[in-house]
Amino acid sequence: MSLRTVPTASLETLLRALHKAQIPCPLRADTLACIGLQERQEPILAALRGLDEPGVRAVLVNVIAERKGAHHG
């Protein structure tokens, strides 16, 4: 499973929560629920489970940048 099914806004919410140190890594379902992503936790955890914070940030930044870049082309 990939992050393709997760809306960009949800990925941005997750990245913002990491930036503000609101949730720890590795990611868990309960911490995702704390920031309102309980309905998106399955694909997020499938794609990012076990990654440390720099790894999660790198994936999120790349996916968000790729999506935003694709909209301008």
PDB file of N, CA and C in Angstrom:
ATOM      1  N   MET A   1       0.852  -1.191   0.000  1.00  0.00           N
ATOM      2  CA  MET A   1       0.000   0.000   0.000  1.00  0.00           C
ATOM      3  C   MET A   1       0.891   1.245   0.000  1.00  0.00           C
ATOM      4  N   SER A   2       0.414   2.263  -0.642  1.00  0.00           N
ATOM      5  CA  SER A   2       1.218   3.480  -0.718  1.00  0.00           C
ATOM      6  C   SER A   2       0.432   4.671  -0.189  1.00  0.00           C
ATOM      7  N   LEU A   3       1.061   5.804  -0.244  1.00  0.00           N
ATOM      8  CA  LEU A   3       0.419   7.033   0.225  1.00  0.00           C
ATOM      9  C   LEU A   3      -0.476   7.658  -0.841  1.00  0.00           C
ATOM     10  N   ARG A   4      -0.616   7.009  -1.995  1.00  0.00           N
ATOM     11  CA  ARG A   4      -1.437   7.578  -3.076  1.00  0.00           C
ATOM     12  C   ARG A   4      -2.872   7.847  -2.651  1.00  0.00           C
ATOM     13  N   THR A   5      -3.397   7.018  -1.742  1.00  0.00           N
ATOM     14  CA  THR A   5      -4.801   7.166  -1.327  1.00  0.00           C
ATOM     15  C   THR A   5      -4.972   8.217  -0.228  1.00  0.00           C
ATOM     16  N   VAL A   6      -3.858   8.728   0.287  1.00  0.00           N
ATOM     17  CA  VAL A   6      -3.925   9.700   1.391  1.00  0.00           C
ATOM     18  C   VAL A   6      -3.895  11.109   0.807  1.00  0.00           C
ATOM     19  N   PRO A   7      -4.898  11.929   1.114  1.00  0.00           N
ATOM     20  CA  PRO A   7      -4.923  13.300   0.588  1.00  0.00           C
ATOM     21  C   PRO A   7      -3.693  14.106   1.020  1.00  0.00           C
ATOM     22  N   THR A   8      -3.270  15.008   0.171  1.00  0.00           N
ATOM     23  CA  THR A   8      -2.120  15.854   0.463  1.00  0.00           C
ATOM     24  C   THR A   8      -2.321  16.605   1.776  1.00  0.00           C
ATOM     25  N   ALA A   9      -3.516  17.079   2.038  1.00  0.00           N
ATOM     26  CA  ALA A   9      -3.793  17.817   3.282  1.00  0.00           C
ATOM     27  C   ALA A   9      -3.507  16.945   4.506  1.00  0.00           C
ATOM     28  N   SER A  10      -3.813  15.665   4.427  1.00  0.00           N
ATOM     29  CA  SER A  10      -3.539  14.762   5.554  1.00  0.00           C
ATOM     30  C   SER A  10      -2.042  14.563   5.739  1.00  0.00           C
ATOM     31  N   LEU A  11      -1.309  14.463   4.639  1.00  0.00           N
ATOM     32  CA  LEU A  11       0.147  14.326   4.732  1.00  0.00           C
ATOM     33  C   LEU A  11       0.764  15.594   5.312  1.00  0.00           C
ATOM     34  N   GLU A  12       0.219  16.747   4.937  1.00  0.00           N
ATOM     35  CA  GLU A  12       0.711  18.014   5.482  1.00  0.00           C
ATOM     36  C   GLU A  12       0.414  18.119   6.976  1.00  0.00           C
ATOM     37  N   THR A  13      -0.743  17.625   7.396  1.00  0.00           N
ATOM     38  CA  THR A  13      -1.093  17.598   8.820  1.00  0.00           C
ATOM     39  C   THR A  13      -0.081  16.754   9.584  1.00  0.00           C
ATOM     40  N   LEU A  14       0.258  15.603   9.030  1.00  0.00           N
ATOM     41  CA  LEU A  14       1.222  14.716   9.668  1.00  0.00           C
ATOM     42  C   LEU A  14       2.605  15.370   9.745  1.00  0.00           C
ATOM     43  N   LEU A  15       3.036  15.973   8.670  1.00  0.00           N
ATOM     44  CA  LEU A  15       4.340  16.629   8.646  1.00  0.00           C
ATOM     45  C   LEU A  15       4.394  17.777   9.658  1.00  0.00           C
ATOM     46  N   ARG A  16       3.312  18.551   9.725  1.00  0.00           N
ATOM     47  CA  ARG A  16       3.229  19.663  10.671  1.00  0.00           C
ATOM     48  C   ARG A  16       3.304  19.139  12.114  1.00  0.00           C
ATOM     49  N   ALA A  17       2.620  18.036  12.389  1.00  0.00           N
ATOM     50  CA  ALA A  17       2.638  17.450  13.739  1.00  0.00           C
ATOM     51  C   ALA A  17       4.040  16.962  14.102  1.00  0.00           C
ATOM     52  N   LEU A  18       4.747  16.399  13.135  1.00  0.00           N
ATOM     53  CA  LEU A  18       6.131  15.983  13.388  1.00  0.00           C
ATOM     54  C   LEU A  18       7.000  17.197  13.674  1.00  0.00           C
ATOM     55  N   HIS A  19       6.826  18.231  12.875  1.00  0.00           N
ATOM     56  CA  HIS A  19       7.616  19.450  13.027  1.00  0.00           C
ATOM     57  C   HIS A  19       7.419  20.084  14.403  1.00  0.00           C
ATOM     58  N   LYS A  20       6.187  20.017  14.896  1.00  0.00           N
ATOM     59  CA  LYS A  20       5.867  20.606  16.202  1.00  0.00           C
ATOM     60  C   LYS A  20       6.112  19.624  17.353  1.00  0.00           C
ATOM     61  N   ALA A  21       6.660  18.450  17.027  1.00  0.00           N
ATOM     62  CA  ALA A  21       6.920  17.400  18.025  1.00  0.00           C
ATOM     63  C   ALA A  21       5.647  16.987  18.768  1.00  0.00           C
ATOM     64  N   GLN A  22       4.533  16.949  18.038  1.00  0.00           N
ATOM     65  CA  GLN A  22       3.261  16.548  18.647  1.00  0.00           C
ATOM     66  C   GLN A  22       3.091  15.031  18.668  1.00  0.00           C
ATOM     67  N   ILE A  23       3.807  14.334  17.781  1.00  0.00           N
ATOM     68  CA  ILE A  23       3.713  12.878  17.735  1.00  0.00           C
ATOM     69  C   ILE A  23       5.113  12.281  17.585  1.00  0.00           C
ATOM     70  N   PRO A  24       5.333  11.108  18.182  1.00  0.00           N
ATOM     71  CA  PRO A  24       6.639  10.456  18.104  1.00  0.00           C
ATOM     72  C   PRO A  24       6.728   9.491  16.922  1.00  0.00           C
ATOM     73  N   CYS A  25       7.936   9.139  16.574  1.00  0.00           N
ATOM     74  CA  CYS A  25       8.189   8.088  15.595  1.00  0.00           C
ATOM     75  C   CYS A  25       8.883   6.950  16.328  1.00  0.00           C
ATOM     76  N   PRO A  26       8.703   5.710  15.912  1.00  0.00           N
ATOM     77  CA  PRO A  26       7.875   5.316  14.777  1.00  0.00           C
ATOM     78  C   PRO A  26       6.390   5.593  15.020  1.00  0.00           C
ATOM     79  N   LEU A  27       5.687   5.799  13.920  1.00  0.00           N
ATOM     80  CA  LEU A  27       4.269   6.154  13.984  1.00  0.00           C
ATOM     81  C   LEU A  27       3.440   4.989  14.508  1.00  0.00           C
ATOM     82  N   ARG A  28       2.369   5.347  15.208  1.00  0.00           N
ATOM     83  CA  ARG A  28       1.435   4.342  15.716  1.00  0.00           C
ATOM     84  C   ARG A  28       0.011   4.828  15.450  1.00  0.00           C
ATOM     85  N   ALA A  29      -0.907   3.885  15.411  1.00  0.00           N
ATOM     86  CA  ALA A  29      -2.308   4.211  15.137  1.00  0.00           C
ATOM     87  C   ALA A  29      -2.871   5.200  16.157  1.00  0.00           C
ATOM     88  N   ASP A  30      -2.552   5.013  17.436  1.00  0.00           N
ATOM     89  CA  ASP A  30      -3.135   5.892  18.453  1.00  0.00           C
ATOM     90  C   ASP A  30      -2.618   7.319  18.330  1.00  0.00           C
ATOM     91  N   THR A  31      -1.351   7.486  17.961  1.00  0.00           N
ATOM     92  CA  THR A  31      -0.843   8.850  17.820  1.00  0.00           C
ATOM     93  C   THR A  31      -1.382   9.513  16.564  1.00  0.00           C
ATOM     94  N   LEU A  32      -1.621   8.722  15.526  1.00  0.00           N
ATOM     95  CA  LEU A  32      -2.246   9.293  14.325  1.00  0.00           C
ATOM     96  C   LEU A  32      -3.671   9.750  14.642  1.00  0.00           C
ATOM     97  N   ALA A  33      -4.371   8.987  15.454  1.00  0.00           N
ATOM     98  CA  ALA A  33      -5.730   9.363  15.844  1.00  0.00           C
ATOM     99  C   ALA A  33      -5.734  10.671  16.637  1.00  0.00           C
ATOM    100  N   CYS A  34      -4.692  10.895  17.415  1.00  0.00           N
ATOM    101  CA  CYS A  34      -4.601  12.125  18.223  1.00  0.00           C
ATOM    102  C   CYS A  34      -4.544  13.381  17.359  1.00  0.00           C
ATOM    103  N   ILE A  35      -4.071  13.254  16.131  1.00  0.00           N
ATOM    104  CA  ILE A  35      -4.004  14.431  15.251  1.00  0.00           C
ATOM    105  C   ILE A  35      -5.070  14.370  14.155  1.00  0.00           C
ATOM    106  N   GLY A  36      -6.075  13.498  14.355  1.00  0.00           N
ATOM    107  CA  GLY A  36      -7.224  13.468  13.462  1.00  0.00           C
ATOM    108  C   GLY A  36      -7.047  12.634  12.205  1.00  0.00           C
ATOM    109  N   LEU A  37      -6.058  11.747  12.188  1.00  0.00           N
ATOM    110  CA  LEU A  37      -5.824  10.949  10.983  1.00  0.00           C
ATOM    111  C   LEU A  37      -6.227   9.485  11.151  1.00  0.00           C
ATOM    112  N   GLN A  38      -7.142   9.213  12.069  1.00  0.00           N
ATOM    113  CA  GLN A  38      -7.543   7.832  12.309  1.00  0.00           C
ATOM    114  C   GLN A  38      -8.109   7.152  11.058  1.00  0.00           C
ATOM    115  N   GLU A  39      -8.793   7.915  10.209  1.00  0.00           N
ATOM    116  CA  GLU A  39      -9.373   7.312   9.000  1.00  0.00           C
ATOM    117  C   GLU A  39      -8.331   7.048   7.922  1.00  0.00           C
ATOM    118  N   ARG A  40      -7.155   7.609   8.089  1.00  0.00           N
ATOM    119  CA  ARG A  40      -6.069   7.441   7.106  1.00  0.00           C
ATOM    120  C   ARG A  40      -4.933   6.582   7.648  1.00  0.00           C
ATOM    121  N   GLN A  41      -5.091   6.041   8.859  1.00  0.00           N
ATOM    122  CA  GLN A  41      -3.964   5.387   9.511  1.00  0.00           C
ATOM    123  C   GLN A  41      -3.475   4.137   8.781  1.00  0.00           C
ATOM    124  N   GLU A  42      -4.348   3.365   8.155  1.00  0.00           N
ATOM    125  CA  GLU A  42      -3.893   2.137   7.503  1.00  0.00           C
ATOM    126  C   GLU A  42      -2.875   2.397   6.394  1.00  0.00           C
ATOM    127  N   PRO A  43      -3.182   3.241   5.395  1.00  0.00           N
ATOM    128  CA  PRO A  43      -2.167   3.474   4.366  1.00  0.00           C
ATOM    129  C   PRO A  43      -0.934   4.210   4.887  1.00  0.00           C
ATOM    130  N   ILE A  44      -1.123   5.097   5.854  1.00  0.00           N
ATOM    131  CA  ILE A  44       0.022   5.824   6.416  1.00  0.00           C
ATOM    132  C   ILE A  44       0.956   4.848   7.121  1.00  0.00           C
ATOM    133  N   LEU A  45       0.386   3.992   7.970  1.00  0.00           N
ATOM    134  CA  LEU A  45       1.216   3.038   8.695  1.00  0.00           C
ATOM    135  C   LEU A  45       1.839   2.016   7.751  1.00  0.00           C
ATOM    136  N   ALA A  46       1.098   1.597   6.732  1.00  0.00           N
ATOM    137  CA  ALA A  46       1.644   0.622   5.780  1.00  0.00           C
ATOM    138  C   ALA A  46       2.858   1.191   5.060  1.00  0.00           C
ATOM    139  N   ALA A  47       2.827   2.476   4.763  1.00  0.00           N
ATOM    140  CA  ALA A  47       3.920   3.104   4.021  1.00  0.00           C
ATOM    141  C   ALA A  47       5.068   3.553   4.917  1.00  0.00           C
ATOM    142  N   LEU A  48       4.770   3.931   6.159  1.00  0.00           N
ATOM    143  CA  LEU A  48       5.773   4.591   6.998  1.00  0.00           C
ATOM    144  C   LEU A  48       6.131   3.839   8.280  1.00  0.00           C
ATOM    145  N   ARG A  49       5.516   2.695   8.510  1.00  0.00           N
ATOM    146  CA  ARG A  49       5.739   1.954   9.754  1.00  0.00           C
ATOM    147  C   ARG A  49       7.218   1.606   9.916  1.00  0.00           C
ATOM    148  N   GLY A  50       7.714   1.834  11.117  1.00  0.00           N
ATOM    149  CA  GLY A  50       9.081   1.455  11.432  1.00  0.00           C
ATOM    150  C   GLY A  50      10.131   2.494  11.086  1.00  0.00           C
ATOM    151  N   LEU A  51       9.747   3.527  10.346  1.00  0.00           N
ATOM    152  CA  LEU A  51      10.725   4.557   9.994  1.00  0.00           C
ATOM    153  C   LEU A  51      10.962   5.496  11.180  1.00  0.00           C
ATOM    154  N   ASP A  52      12.184   5.977  11.301  1.00  0.00           N
ATOM    155  CA  ASP A  52      12.459   6.981  12.314  1.00  0.00           C
ATOM    156  C   ASP A  52      11.988   8.336  11.789  1.00  0.00           C
ATOM    157  N   GLU A  53      12.064   9.353  12.641  1.00  0.00           N
ATOM    158  CA  GLU A  53      11.524  10.657  12.252  1.00  0.00           C
ATOM    159  C   GLU A  53      12.158  11.222  10.980  1.00  0.00           C
ATOM    160  N   PRO A  54      13.489  11.192  10.828  1.00  0.00           N
ATOM    161  CA  PRO A  54      14.058  11.707   9.566  1.00  0.00           C
ATOM    162  C   PRO A  54      13.545  10.946   8.341  1.00  0.00           C
ATOM    163  N   GLY A  55      13.333   9.655   8.493  1.00  0.00           N
ATOM    164  CA  GLY A  55      12.808   8.863   7.380  1.00  0.00           C
ATOM    165  C   GLY A  55      11.385   9.244   7.017  1.00  0.00           C
ATOM    166  N   VAL A  56      10.541   9.394   8.037  1.00  0.00           N
ATOM    167  CA  VAL A  56       9.148   9.790   7.807  1.00  0.00           C
ATOM    168  C   VAL A  56       9.102  11.172   7.169  1.00  0.00           C
ATOM    169  N   ARG A  57       9.884  12.102   7.713  1.00  0.00           N
ATOM    170  CA  ARG A  57       9.919  13.465   7.153  1.00  0.00           C
ATOM    171  C   ARG A  57      10.338  13.448   5.691  1.00  0.00           C
ATOM    172  N   ALA A  58      11.375  12.667   5.373  1.00  0.00           N
ATOM    173  CA  ALA A  58      11.882  12.618   3.999  1.00  0.00           C
ATOM    174  C   ALA A  58      10.817  12.110   3.037  1.00  0.00           C
ATOM    175  N   VAL A  59      10.117  11.049   3.425  1.00  0.00           N
ATOM    176  CA  VAL A  59       9.061  10.508   2.561  1.00  0.00           C
ATOM    177  C   VAL A  59       7.953  11.538   2.380  1.00  0.00           C
ATOM    178  N   LEU A  60       7.492  12.136   3.473  1.00  0.00           N
ATOM    179  CA  LEU A  60       6.400  13.107   3.400  1.00  0.00           C
ATOM    180  C   LEU A  60       6.777  14.313   2.546  1.00  0.00           C
ATOM    181  N   VAL A  61       7.959  14.865   2.779  1.00  0.00           N
ATOM    182  CA  VAL A  61       8.401  16.038   2.021  1.00  0.00           C
ATOM    183  C   VAL A  61       8.458  15.695   0.527  1.00  0.00           C
ATOM    184  N   ASN A  62       8.997  14.524   0.201  1.00  0.00           N
ATOM    185  CA  ASN A  62       9.102  14.140  -1.208  1.00  0.00           C
ATOM    186  C   ASN A  62       7.750  13.936  -1.860  1.00  0.00           C
ATOM    187  N   VAL A  63       6.837  13.255  -1.174  1.00  0.00           N
ATOM    188  CA  VAL A  63       5.506  12.993  -1.747  1.00  0.00           C
ATOM    189  C   VAL A  63       4.744  14.313  -1.931  1.00  0.00           C
ATOM    190  N   ILE A  64       4.785  15.174  -0.916  1.00  0.00           N
ATOM    191  CA  ILE A  64       4.079  16.458  -1.010  1.00  0.00           C
ATOM    192  C   ILE A  64       4.670  17.306  -2.139  1.00  0.00           C
ATOM    193  N   ALA A  65       5.994  17.373  -2.212  1.00  0.00           N
ATOM    194  CA  ALA A  65       6.645  18.166  -3.252  1.00  0.00           C
ATOM    195  C   ALA A  65       6.323  17.618  -4.635  1.00  0.00           C
ATOM    196  N   GLU A  66       6.324  16.303  -4.762  1.00  0.00           N
ATOM    197  CA  GLU A  66       6.009  15.680  -6.051  1.00  0.00           C
ATOM    198  C   GLU A  66       4.581  16.025  -6.482  1.00  0.00           C
ATOM    199  N   ARG A  67       3.653  15.954  -5.533  1.00  0.00           N
ATOM    200  CA  ARG A  67       2.250  16.267  -5.859  1.00  0.00           C
ATOM    201  C   ARG A  67       2.090  17.725  -6.241  1.00  0.00           C
ATOM    202  N   LYS A  68       2.706  18.599  -5.497  1.00  0.00           N
ATOM    203  CA  LYS A  68       2.572  20.037  -5.791  1.00  0.00           C
ATOM    204  C   LYS A  68       3.259  20.379  -7.094  1.00  0.00           C
ATOM    205  N   GLY A  69       4.386  19.748  -7.387  1.00  0.00           N
ATOM    206  CA  GLY A  69       5.092  19.958  -8.658  1.00  0.00           C
ATOM    207  C   GLY A  69       4.280  19.465  -9.826  1.00  0.00           C
ATOM    208  N   ALA A  70       3.562  18.362  -9.619  1.00  0.00           N
ATOM    209  CA  ALA A  70       2.765  17.784 -10.697  1.00  0.00           C
ATOM    210  C   ALA A  70       1.602  18.698 -11.084  1.00  0.00           C
ATOM    211  N   HIS A  71       1.113  19.467 -10.124  1.00  0.00           N
ATOM    212  CA  HIS A  71      -0.023  20.355 -10.402  1.00  0.00           C
ATOM    213  C   HIS A  71       0.378  21.562 -11.244  1.00  0.00           C
ATOM    214  N   HIS A  72       1.677  21.895 -11.226  1.00  0.00           N
ATOM    215  CA  HIS A  72       2.120  23.074 -11.964  1.00  0.00           C
ATOM    216  C   HIS A  72       2.561  22.754 -13.380  1.00  0.00           C
ATOM    217  N   GLY A  73       2.746  21.469 -13.671  1.00  0.00           N
ATOM    218  CA  GLY A  73       3.260  21.099 -14.978  1.00  0.00           C
ATOM    219  C   GLY A  73       2.191  20.887 -15.905  1.00  0.00           C
TER     220      GLY A  73
END
